[in-house]
C-alpha atoms as a PDB file:
ATOM      1  CA  MET A   1      82.447 149.601  92.626  1.00  0.00           C
ATOM      2  CA  PRO A   2      84.055 150.993  95.803  1.00  0.00           C
ATOM      3  CA  ARG A   3      84.839 148.423  98.416  1.00  0.00           C
ATOM      4  CA  VAL A   4      82.309 148.381 101.255  1.00  0.00           C
ATOM      5  CA  LYS A   5      83.927 149.036 104.613  1.00  0.00           C
ATOM      6  CA  LYS A   6      83.709 145.938 106.775  1.00  0.00           C
ATOM      7  CA  THR A   7      82.134 146.117 110.187  1.00  0.00           C
ATOM      8  CA  THR A   8      83.962 145.016 113.304  1.00  0.00           C
ATOM      9  CA  GLU A   9      81.900 141.824 113.225  1.00  0.00           C
ATOM     10  CA  ASP A  10      82.869 141.165 109.581  1.00  0.00           C
ATOM     11  CA  GLN A  11      86.521 141.604 110.477  1.00  0.00           C
ATOM     12  CA  GLY A  12      86.331 139.022 113.227  1.00  0.00           C
ATOM     13  CA  GLU A  13      86.752 141.535 116.064  1.00  0.00           C
ATOM     14  CA  ARG A  14      90.064 142.797 114.755  1.00  0.00           C
ATOM     15  CA  SER A  15      92.327 144.549 117.192  1.00  0.00           C
ATOM     16  CA  LYS A  16      92.447 148.334 117.196  1.00  0.00           C
ATOM     17  CA  ASP A  17      96.135 147.903 116.376  1.00  0.00           C
ATOM     18  CA  PHE A  18      95.264 146.421 112.957  1.00  0.00           C
ATOM     19  CA  LEU A  19      96.545 148.699 110.163  1.00  0.00           C
ATOM     20  CA  ASP A  20      94.043 148.835 107.309  1.00  0.00           C
ATOM     21  CA  ALA A  21      96.472 150.815 105.130  1.00  0.00           C
ATOM     22  CA  LEU A  22      99.092 148.075 105.402  1.00  0.00           C
ATOM     23  CA  ASP A  23      96.457 145.416 104.704  1.00  0.00           C
ATOM     24  CA  ARG A  24      95.430 147.214 101.500  1.00  0.00           C
ATOM     25  CA  SER A  25      99.010 147.782 100.370  1.00  0.00           C
ATOM     26  CA  ILE A  26      99.923 144.122 100.815  1.00  0.00           C
ATOM     27  CA  ARG A  27      96.751 143.153  98.959  1.00  0.00           C
ATOM     28  CA  VAL A  28      97.816 145.327  96.013  1.00  0.00           C
ATOM     29  CA  ILE A  29     101.286 143.742  95.932  1.00  0.00           C
ATOM     30  CA  GLU A  30      99.811 140.235  96.064  1.00  0.00           C
ATOM     31  CA  LYS A  31      97.315 140.917  93.284  1.00  0.00           C
ATOM     32  CA  MET A  32      99.956 142.519  91.075  1.00  0.00           C
ATOM     33  CA  GLY A  33     102.168 139.490  91.608  1.00  0.00           C
ATOM     34  CA  SER A  34      99.448 137.060  90.553  1.00  0.00           C
ATOM     35  CA  GLY A  35      98.291 138.909  87.462  1.00  0.00           C
ATOM     36  CA  SER A  36      99.785 140.057  84.155  1.00  0.00           C
ATOM     37  CA  PRO A  37     103.266 141.605  84.126  1.00  0.00           C
ATOM     38  CA  ALA A  38     101.753 145.056  83.555  1.00  0.00           C
ATOM     39  CA  LEU A  39      98.379 146.281  84.814  1.00  0.00           C
ATOM     40  CA  THR A  40      96.432 149.528  84.673  1.00  0.00           C
ATOM     41  CA  LEU A  41      95.171 151.381  87.726  1.00  0.00           C
ATOM     42  CA  SER A  42      91.655 150.136  86.989  1.00  0.00           C
ATOM     43  CA  ASP A  43      92.872 146.546  86.676  1.00  0.00           C
ATOM     44  CA  ILE A  44      94.638 146.677  90.027  1.00  0.00           C
ATOM     45  CA  ALA A  45      91.744 148.393  91.813  1.00  0.00           C
ATOM     46  CA  LYS A  46      89.347 145.723  90.548  1.00  0.00           C
ATOM     47  CA  MET A  47      91.653 142.829  91.437  1.00  0.00           C
ATOM     48  CA  ALA A  48      92.333 144.190  94.929  1.00  0.00           C
ATOM     49  CA  ASP A  49      88.671 145.161  95.443  1.00  0.00           C
ATOM     50  CA  LEU A  50      89.641 148.720  96.371  1.00  0.00           C
ATOM     51  CA  PRO A  51      88.453 152.184  95.284  1.00  0.00           C
ATOM     52  CA  ARG A  52      90.533 153.776  92.521  1.00  0.00           C
ATOM     53  CA  PRO A  53      91.662 156.755  94.668  1.00  0.00           C
ATOM     54  CA  THR A  54      92.906 154.390  97.390  1.00  0.00           C
ATOM     55  CA  THR A  55      94.677 152.223  94.831  1.00  0.00           C
ATOM     56  CA  LYS A  56      96.245 155.283  93.236  1.00  0.00           C
ATOM     57  CA  ARG A  57      97.702 156.439  96.569  1.00  0.00           C
ATOM     58  CA  ILE A  58      99.052 152.967  97.300  1.00  0.00           C
ATOM     59  CA  LEU A  59     100.693 152.730  93.867  1.00  0.00           C
ATOM     60  CA  TYR A  60     102.219 156.177  94.292  1.00  0.00           C
ATOM     61  CA  THR A  61     103.678 155.192  97.669  1.00  0.00           C
ATOM     62  CA  LEU A  62     105.012 151.859  96.384  1.00  0.00           C
ATOM     63  CA  SER A  63     106.502 153.686  93.402  1.00  0.00           C
ATOM     64  CA  GLU A  64     108.259 156.195  95.662  1.00  0.00           C
ATOM     65  CA  LEU A  65     109.654 153.276  97.692  1.00  0.00           C
ATOM     66  CA  GLY A  66     110.888 151.539  94.558  1.00  0.00           C
ATOM     67  CA  TYR A  67     108.573 148.516  94.652  1.00  0.00           C
ATOM     68  CA  VAL A  68     106.450 149.531  91.653  1.00  0.00           C
ATOM     69  CA  GLY A  69     107.373 151.028  88.308  1.00  0.00           C
ATOM     70  CA  ASN A  70     105.163 152.342  85.543  1.00  0.00           C
ATOM     71  CA  VAL A  71     105.288 152.940  81.828  1.00  0.00           C
ATOM     72  CA  GLY A  72     102.456 155.130  80.662  1.00  0.00           C
ATOM     73  CA  ARG A  73      99.245 153.813  82.192  1.00  0.00           C
ATOM     74  CA  ASN A  74     100.690 150.415  83.106  1.00  0.00           C
ATOM     75  CA  PHE A  75     102.144 149.461  86.476  1.00  0.00           C
ATOM     76  CA  ALA A  76     104.384 146.518  87.358  1.00  0.00           C
ATOM     77  CA  LEU A  77     106.295 145.250  90.369  1.00  0.00           C
ATOM     78  CA  THR A  78     110.050 145.848  90.364  1.00  0.00           C
ATOM     79  CA  PRO A  79     112.751 143.331  91.358  1.00  0.00           C
ATOM     80  CA  LYS A  80     113.030 145.133  94.705  1.00  0.00           C
ATOM     81  CA  VAL A  81     109.904 143.234  95.801  1.00  0.00           C
ATOM     82  CA  VAL A  82     112.067 140.115  96.101  1.00  0.00           C
ATOM     83  CA  ARG A  83     113.672 141.695  99.185  1.00  0.00           C
ATOM     84  CA  LEU A  84     110.385 141.270 101.032  1.00  0.00           C
ATOM     85  CA  ALA A  85     110.789 137.496 100.818  1.00  0.00           C
ATOM     86  CA  THR A  86     114.344 137.458 102.156  1.00  0.00           C
ATOM     87  CA  SER A  87     113.326 137.042 105.787  1.00  0.00           C
ATOM     88  CA  PHE A  88     111.408 133.866 104.910  1.00  0.00           C
ATOM     89  CA  PHE A  89     114.628 132.149 103.953  1.00  0.00           C
ATOM     90  CA  GLY A  90     116.729 133.762 106.669  1.00  0.00           C
ATOM     91  CA  ALA A  91     120.076 135.422 106.369  1.00  0.00           C
ATOM     92  CA  GLY A  92     122.009 132.176 105.987  1.00  0.00           C
ATOM     93  CA  GLY A  93     121.674 131.939 102.219  1.00  0.00           C
ATOM     94  CA  LYS A  94     118.938 129.310 102.330  1.00  0.00           C
ATOM     95  CA  SER A  95     117.311 130.622  99.173  1.00  0.00           C
ATOM     96  CA  ARG A  96     120.601 130.195  97.352  1.00  0.00           C
ATOM     97  CA  LEU A  97     121.014 126.638  98.646  1.00  0.00           C
ATOM     98  CA  VAL A  98     117.565 125.658  97.408  1.00  0.00           C
ATOM     99  CA  GLN A  99     118.099 127.400  94.074  1.00  0.00           C
ATOM    100  CA  VAL A 100     121.395 125.549  93.543  1.00  0.00           C
ATOM    101  CA  ALA A 101     119.613 122.249  94.198  1.00  0.00           C
ATOM    102  CA  CYS A 102     116.954 123.116  91.610  1.00  0.00           C
ATOM    103  CA  ASP A 103     119.647 124.086  89.091  1.00  0.00           C
ATOM    104  CA  GLU A 104     121.551 120.834  89.593  1.00  0.00           C
ATOM    105  CA  ILE A 105     118.478 118.622  89.299  1.00  0.00           C
ATOM    106  CA  SER A 106     117.240 120.401  86.179  1.00  0.00           C
ATOM    107  CA  GLU A 107     120.663 120.243  84.530  1.00  0.00           C
ATOM    108  CA  THR A 108     121.028 116.533  85.308  1.00  0.00           C
ATOM    109  CA  THR A 109     117.567 115.518  84.121  1.00  0.00           C
ATOM    110  CA  GLY A 110     116.771 118.099  81.456  1.00  0.00           C
ATOM    111  CA  GLN A 111     113.450 118.648  83.232  1.00  0.00           C
ATOM    112  CA  ALA A 112     111.961 121.271  85.568  1.00  0.00           C
ATOM    113  CA  CYS A 113     112.613 121.461  89.307  1.00  0.00           C
ATOM    114  CA  LEU A 114     110.655 123.589  91.775  1.00  0.00           C
ATOM    115  CA  ALA A 115     110.833 124.465  95.444  1.00  0.00           C
ATOM    116  CA  THR A 116     107.460 125.493  96.838  1.00  0.00           C
ATOM    117  CA  VAL A 117     105.677 126.421 100.041  1.00  0.00           C
ATOM    118  CA  LEU A 118     101.994 126.139 100.924  1.00  0.00           C
ATOM    119  CA  ASP A 119     100.028 129.386 100.934  1.00  0.00           C
ATOM    120  CA  ASP A 120      96.386 128.799 101.857  1.00  0.00           C
ATOM    121  CA  THR A 121      94.908 126.731  98.980  1.00  0.00           C
ATOM    122  CA  GLU A 122      97.881 127.200  96.650  1.00  0.00           C
ATOM    123  CA  VAL A 123     101.551 126.349  96.410  1.00  0.00           C
ATOM    124  CA  LEU A 124     103.924 129.256  95.876  1.00  0.00           C
ATOM    125  CA  VAL A 125     107.140 128.815  93.887  1.00  0.00           C
ATOM    126  CA  VAL A 126     110.175 130.107  95.821  1.00  0.00           C
ATOM    127  CA  ALA A 127     112.917 128.650  93.579  1.00  0.00           C
ATOM    128  CA  TYR A 128     112.915 126.977  90.176  1.00  0.00           C
ATOM    129  CA  ALA A 129     115.041 125.821  87.264  1.00  0.00           C
ATOM    130  CA  ILE A 130     113.998 124.512  83.879  1.00  0.00           C
ATOM    131  CA  SER A 131     115.860 123.196  80.849  1.00  0.00           C
ATOM    132  CA  GLN A 132     116.054 125.684  77.992  1.00  0.00           C
ATOM    133  CA  GLN A 133     115.031 122.920  75.600  1.00  0.00           C
ATOM    134  CA  LEU A 134     111.862 122.186  77.514  1.00  0.00           C
ATOM    135  CA  MET A 135     108.605 123.679  76.334  1.00  0.00           C
ATOM    136  CA  ALA A 136     106.761 124.346  79.576  1.00  0.00           C
ATOM    137  CA  PRO A 137     103.989 126.484  81.040  1.00  0.00           C
ATOM    138  CA  TYR A 138     104.980 129.681  82.835  1.00  0.00           C
ATOM    139  CA  LEU A 139     107.273 129.046  85.753  1.00  0.00           C
ATOM    140  CA  GLY A 140     108.965 131.556  87.971  1.00  0.00           C
ATOM    141  CA  VAL A 141     109.482 132.669  91.524  1.00  0.00           C
ATOM    142  CA  GLY A 142     106.087 133.845  92.734  1.00  0.00           C
ATOM    143  CA  ALA A 143     104.075 131.580  90.425  1.00  0.00           C
ATOM    144  CA  ARG A 144     101.121 129.880  92.102  1.00  0.00           C
ATOM    145  CA  PHE A 145      99.414 126.563  91.482  1.00  0.00           C
ATOM    146  CA  PRO A 146      96.423 124.864  93.133  1.00  0.00           C
ATOM    147  CA  ALA A 147      97.560 122.615  95.971  1.00  0.00           C
ATOM    148  CA  PHE A 148      94.898 119.921  95.638  1.00  0.00           C
ATOM    149  CA  CYS A 149      95.956 118.681  92.184  1.00  0.00           C
ATOM    150  CA  THR A 150      99.745 119.110  92.214  1.00  0.00           C
ATOM    151  CA  ALA A 151     102.407 116.829  93.686  1.00  0.00           C
ATOM    152  CA  PRO A 152     104.059 119.441  95.941  1.00  0.00           C
ATOM    153  CA  GLY A 153     100.639 120.701  96.999  1.00  0.00           C
ATOM    154  CA  ARG A 154      99.390 117.304  98.120  1.00  0.00           C
ATOM    155  CA  LEU A 155     102.703 116.571  99.809  1.00  0.00           C
ATOM    156  CA  LEU A 156     102.520 119.807 101.804  1.00  0.00           C
ATOM    157  CA  LEU A 157      98.864 119.196 102.654  1.00  0.00           C
ATOM    158  CA  ALA A 158      99.915 115.759 103.911  1.00  0.00           C
ATOM    159  CA  GLN A 159     101.917 117.471 106.658  1.00  0.00           C
ATOM    160  CA  MET A 160      98.677 118.787 108.198  1.00  0.00           C
ATOM    161  CA  ASP A 161      96.934 116.943 111.007  1.00  0.00           C
ATOM    162  CA  ASP A 162      93.523 115.452 110.235  1.00  0.00           C
ATOM    163  CA  ASN A 163      91.553 118.371 111.674  1.00  0.00           C
ATOM    164  CA  ALA A 164      93.465 120.946 109.633  1.00  0.00           C
ATOM    165  CA  LEU A 165      93.167 118.795 106.511  1.00  0.00           C
ATOM    166  CA  ASP A 166      89.416 118.401 106.968  1.00  0.00           C
ATOM    167  CA  ALA A 167      89.086 122.180 107.387  1.00  0.00           C
ATOM    168  CA  PHE A 168      91.052 122.706 104.171  1.00  0.00           C
ATOM    169  CA  LEU A 169      88.870 120.273 102.238  1.00  0.00           C
ATOM    170  CA  ALA A 170      85.685 121.792 103.652  1.00  0.00           C
ATOM    171  CA  LYS A 171      86.458 125.165 102.082  1.00  0.00           C
ATOM    172  CA  LEU A 172      88.046 123.731  98.921  1.00  0.00           C
ATOM    173  CA  GLU A 173      86.189 124.317  95.664  1.00  0.00           C
ATOM    174  CA  PRO A 174      88.164 122.140  93.237  1.00  0.00           C
ATOM    175  CA  VAL A 175      88.240 123.237  89.615  1.00  0.00           C
ATOM    176  CA  ALA A 176      89.259 120.893  86.802  1.00  0.00           C
ATOM    177  CA  GLN A 177      92.604 121.785  85.214  1.00  0.00           C
ATOM    178  CA  THR A 178      92.650 118.830  82.783  1.00  0.00           C
ATOM    179  CA  ASP A 179      90.395 115.894  81.937  1.00  0.00           C
ATOM    180  CA  ALA A 180      92.332 113.883  84.535  1.00  0.00           C
ATOM    181  CA  THR A 181      91.879 116.279  87.460  1.00  0.00           C
ATOM    182  CA  VAL A 182      90.306 114.498  90.439  1.00  0.00           C
ATOM    183  CA  LEU A 183      87.474 116.615  91.858  1.00  0.00           C
ATOM    184  CA  ASP A 184      85.930 114.210  94.372  1.00  0.00           C
ATOM    185  CA  LYS A 185      86.989 115.424  97.816  1.00  0.00           C
ATOM    186  CA  ALA A 186      87.105 111.938  99.305  1.00  0.00           C
ATOM    187  CA  ALA A 187      89.491 110.847  96.551  1.00  0.00           C
ATOM    188  CA  ILE A 188      91.592 113.979  96.995  1.00  0.00           C
ATOM    189  CA  ARG A 189      91.819 113.289 100.721  1.00  0.00           C
ATOM    190  CA  GLN A 190      92.870 109.703 100.074  1.00  0.00           C
ATOM    191  CA  GLY A 191      95.623 110.906  97.763  1.00  0.00           C
ATOM    192  CA  ILE A 192      96.885 113.256 100.464  1.00  0.00           C
ATOM    193  CA  VAL A 193      96.760 110.518 103.115  1.00  0.00           C
ATOM    194  CA  THR A 194      98.701 108.223 100.774  1.00  0.00           C
ATOM    195  CA  ALA A 195     101.371 110.905 100.329  1.00  0.00           C
ATOM    196  CA  ARG A 196     101.577 111.227 104.115  1.00  0.00           C
ATOM    197  CA  ALA A 197     102.127 107.484 104.515  1.00  0.00           C
ATOM    198  CA  GLN A 198     104.691 107.270 101.707  1.00  0.00           C
ATOM    199  CA  GLY A 199     106.611 110.421 102.574  1.00  0.00           C
ATOM    200  CA  PHE A 200     106.434 111.605  98.965  1.00  0.00           C
ATOM    201  CA  CYS A 201     103.830 112.280  96.278  1.00  0.00           C
ATOM    202  CA  VAL A 202     103.675 111.266  92.628  1.00  0.00           C
ATOM    203  CA  MET A 203     101.076 112.697  90.252  1.00  0.00           C
ATOM    204  CA  GLU A 204     100.562 112.961  86.526  1.00  0.00           C
ATOM    205  CA  ASP A 205      98.241 114.744  84.128  1.00  0.00           C
ATOM    206  CA  GLU A 206      96.018 116.277  86.834  1.00  0.00           C
ATOM    207  CA  TYR A 207      97.356 119.833  86.616  1.00  0.00           C
ATOM    208  CA  ILE A 208      98.915 119.805  83.150  1.00  0.00           C
ATOM    209  CA  ALA A 209      98.231 117.028  80.655  1.00  0.00           C
ATOM    210  CA  GLY A 210     101.349 115.150  79.649  1.00  0.00           C
ATOM    211  CA  TRP A 211     103.330 116.023  82.767  1.00  0.00           C
ATOM    212  CA  TRP A 212     104.515 113.743  85.588  1.00  0.00           C
ATOM    213  CA  ALA A 213     105.755 115.076  88.926  1.00  0.00           C
ATOM    214  CA  VAL A 214     107.252 113.782  92.147  1.00  0.00           C
ATOM    215  CA  ALA A 215     107.636 115.824  95.340  1.00  0.00           C
ATOM    216  CA  TYR A 216     109.585 115.302  98.554  1.00  0.00           C
ATOM    217  CA  PRO A 217     109.544 117.379 101.743  1.00  0.00           C
ATOM    218  CA  LEU A 218     112.263 119.921 102.421  1.00  0.00           C
ATOM    219  CA  ARG A 219     112.942 119.829 106.143  1.00  0.00           C
ATOM    220  CA  ARG A 220     115.174 121.777 108.467  1.00  0.00           C
ATOM    221  CA  SER A 221     117.705 119.974 110.646  1.00  0.00           C
ATOM    222  CA  ASP A 222     115.210 119.916 113.535  1.00  0.00           C
ATOM    223  CA  GLY A 223     112.658 118.108 111.360  1.00  0.00           C
ATOM    224  CA  SER A 224     110.340 121.086 110.879  1.00  0.00           C
ATOM    225  CA  LEU A 225     108.903 121.630 107.416  1.00  0.00           C
ATOM    226  CA  PHE A 226     110.544 124.176 105.113  1.00  0.00           C
ATOM    227  CA  GLY A 227     108.691 123.405 101.893  1.00  0.00           C
ATOM    228  CA  ALA A 228     108.672 120.868  99.071  1.00  0.00           C
ATOM    229  CA  LEU A 229     111.133 119.988  96.332  1.00  0.00           C
ATOM    230  CA  SER A 230     109.559 118.624  93.160  1.00  0.00           C
ATOM    231  CA  LEU A 231     110.813 117.342  89.839  1.00  0.00           C
ATOM    232  CA  ASN A 232     108.430 117.889  86.955  1.00  0.00           C
ATOM    233  CA  CYS A 233     108.860 115.817  83.811  1.00  0.00           C
ATOM    234  CA  LYS A 234     107.284 116.377  80.419  1.00  0.00           C
ATOM    235  CA  LYS A 235     106.485 112.865  79.275  1.00  0.00           C
ATOM    236  CA  SER A 236     107.200 111.538  75.798  1.00  0.00           C
ATOM    237  CA  PRO A 237     106.635 108.143  74.143  1.00  0.00           C
ATOM    238  CA  ALA A 238     110.248 107.339  75.060  1.00  0.00           C
ATOM    239  CA  THR A 239     109.789 108.059  78.781  1.00  0.00           C
ATOM    240  CA  THR A 240     110.190 104.855  80.799  1.00  0.00           C
ATOM    241  CA  THR A 241     109.192 103.863  84.311  1.00  0.00           C
ATOM    242  CA  ALA A 242     112.857 103.272  85.105  1.00  0.00           C
ATOM    243  CA  GLU A 243     113.699 106.812  83.995  1.00  0.00           C
ATOM    244  CA  LEU A 244     111.003 108.283  86.216  1.00  0.00           C
ATOM    245  CA  GLY A 245     112.272 106.161  89.086  1.00  0.00           C
ATOM    246  CA  THR A 246     115.756 107.593  88.602  1.00  0.00           C
ATOM    247  CA  TYR A 247     114.323 111.109  88.660  1.00  0.00           C
ATOM    248  CA  ALA A 248     112.435 110.375  91.877  1.00  0.00           C
ATOM    249  CA  LYS A 249     115.559 108.990  93.551  1.00  0.00           C
ATOM    250  CA  LEU A 250     117.586 112.058  92.581  1.00  0.00           C
ATOM    251  CA  CYS A 251     114.924 114.409  93.958  1.00  0.00           C
ATOM    252  CA  ALA A 252     114.718 112.445  97.213  1.00  0.00           C
ATOM    253  CA  GLU A 253     118.493 112.423  97.684  1.00  0.00           C
ATOM    254  CA  ARG A 254     118.830 116.151  97.024  1.00  0.00           C
ATOM    255  CA  ALA A 255     115.985 117.021  99.402  1.00  0.00           C
ATOM    256  CA  LYS A 256     117.588 114.910 102.124  1.00  0.00           C
ATOM    257  CA  ALA A 257     121.018 116.442 101.503  1.00  0.00           C
ATOM    258  CA  LEU A 258     119.589 119.934 102.041  1.00  0.00           C
ATOM    259  CA  GLU A 259     118.203 119.095 105.480  1.00  0.00           C
ATOM    260  CA  PRO A 260     121.313 119.881 107.579  1.00  0.00           C
ATOM    261  CA  GLN A 261     121.933 123.030 105.522  1.00  0.00           C
ATOM    262  CA  LEU A 262     118.500 124.571 106.089  1.00  0.00           C
ATOM    263  CA  GLY A 263     119.125 125.146 109.790  1.00  0.00           C
ATOM    264  CA  ASP A 264     116.494 124.818 112.476  1.00  0.00           C
END
């Protein structure tokens, strides 16, 4: 069904300078990034809630610019899209610094390490490393996870003031990911407040059964928040509390060591 044009009131009195074409194009890129590796025109139009002709023109333009490729009827983002994220990290090689930290932690522990940022109700992976021997769910730059039931998500939510946190929880519609996922908003809030008081967040089984995770804040040298660094461990009968404590200490030390390198 074609997307109904929003009225000025629906758009929150948007400025006349607002570019609808850019809004639609970004929406297409975001939806393609959150879906399957290859999608048809109809898939993308439905996901972006746009008419097929509009979607077709956007895909043609993105293809001409090198951001989208196609094989037959299927379209997919190209690696050139990564350039759009470069300005987030700055020109000082910050993305490389964070990636190196993830690589080192994963190699040392044999587990998975992620760097994430908060994006509305989700956390977005901006760097990651995972042991080749580890059987794990899909991970990759651009992957998204719900913030309310993941360690980095709760840690990043803990950086909000109370008013912003209450607004987040008011619009949150928690969905169970495992049998252990906490859905009660009061309990979720308490978990976030605890992470705020501790300065880190530990969670297990709520997003993926059998997994334990710890997250620490990544801060710039001026103390402002950059993101979160998390170590994610697939538990086994041999996993000990002491081992998890060692993992947590390593993650904390590496996050702290990055602080002066992330600028201000």
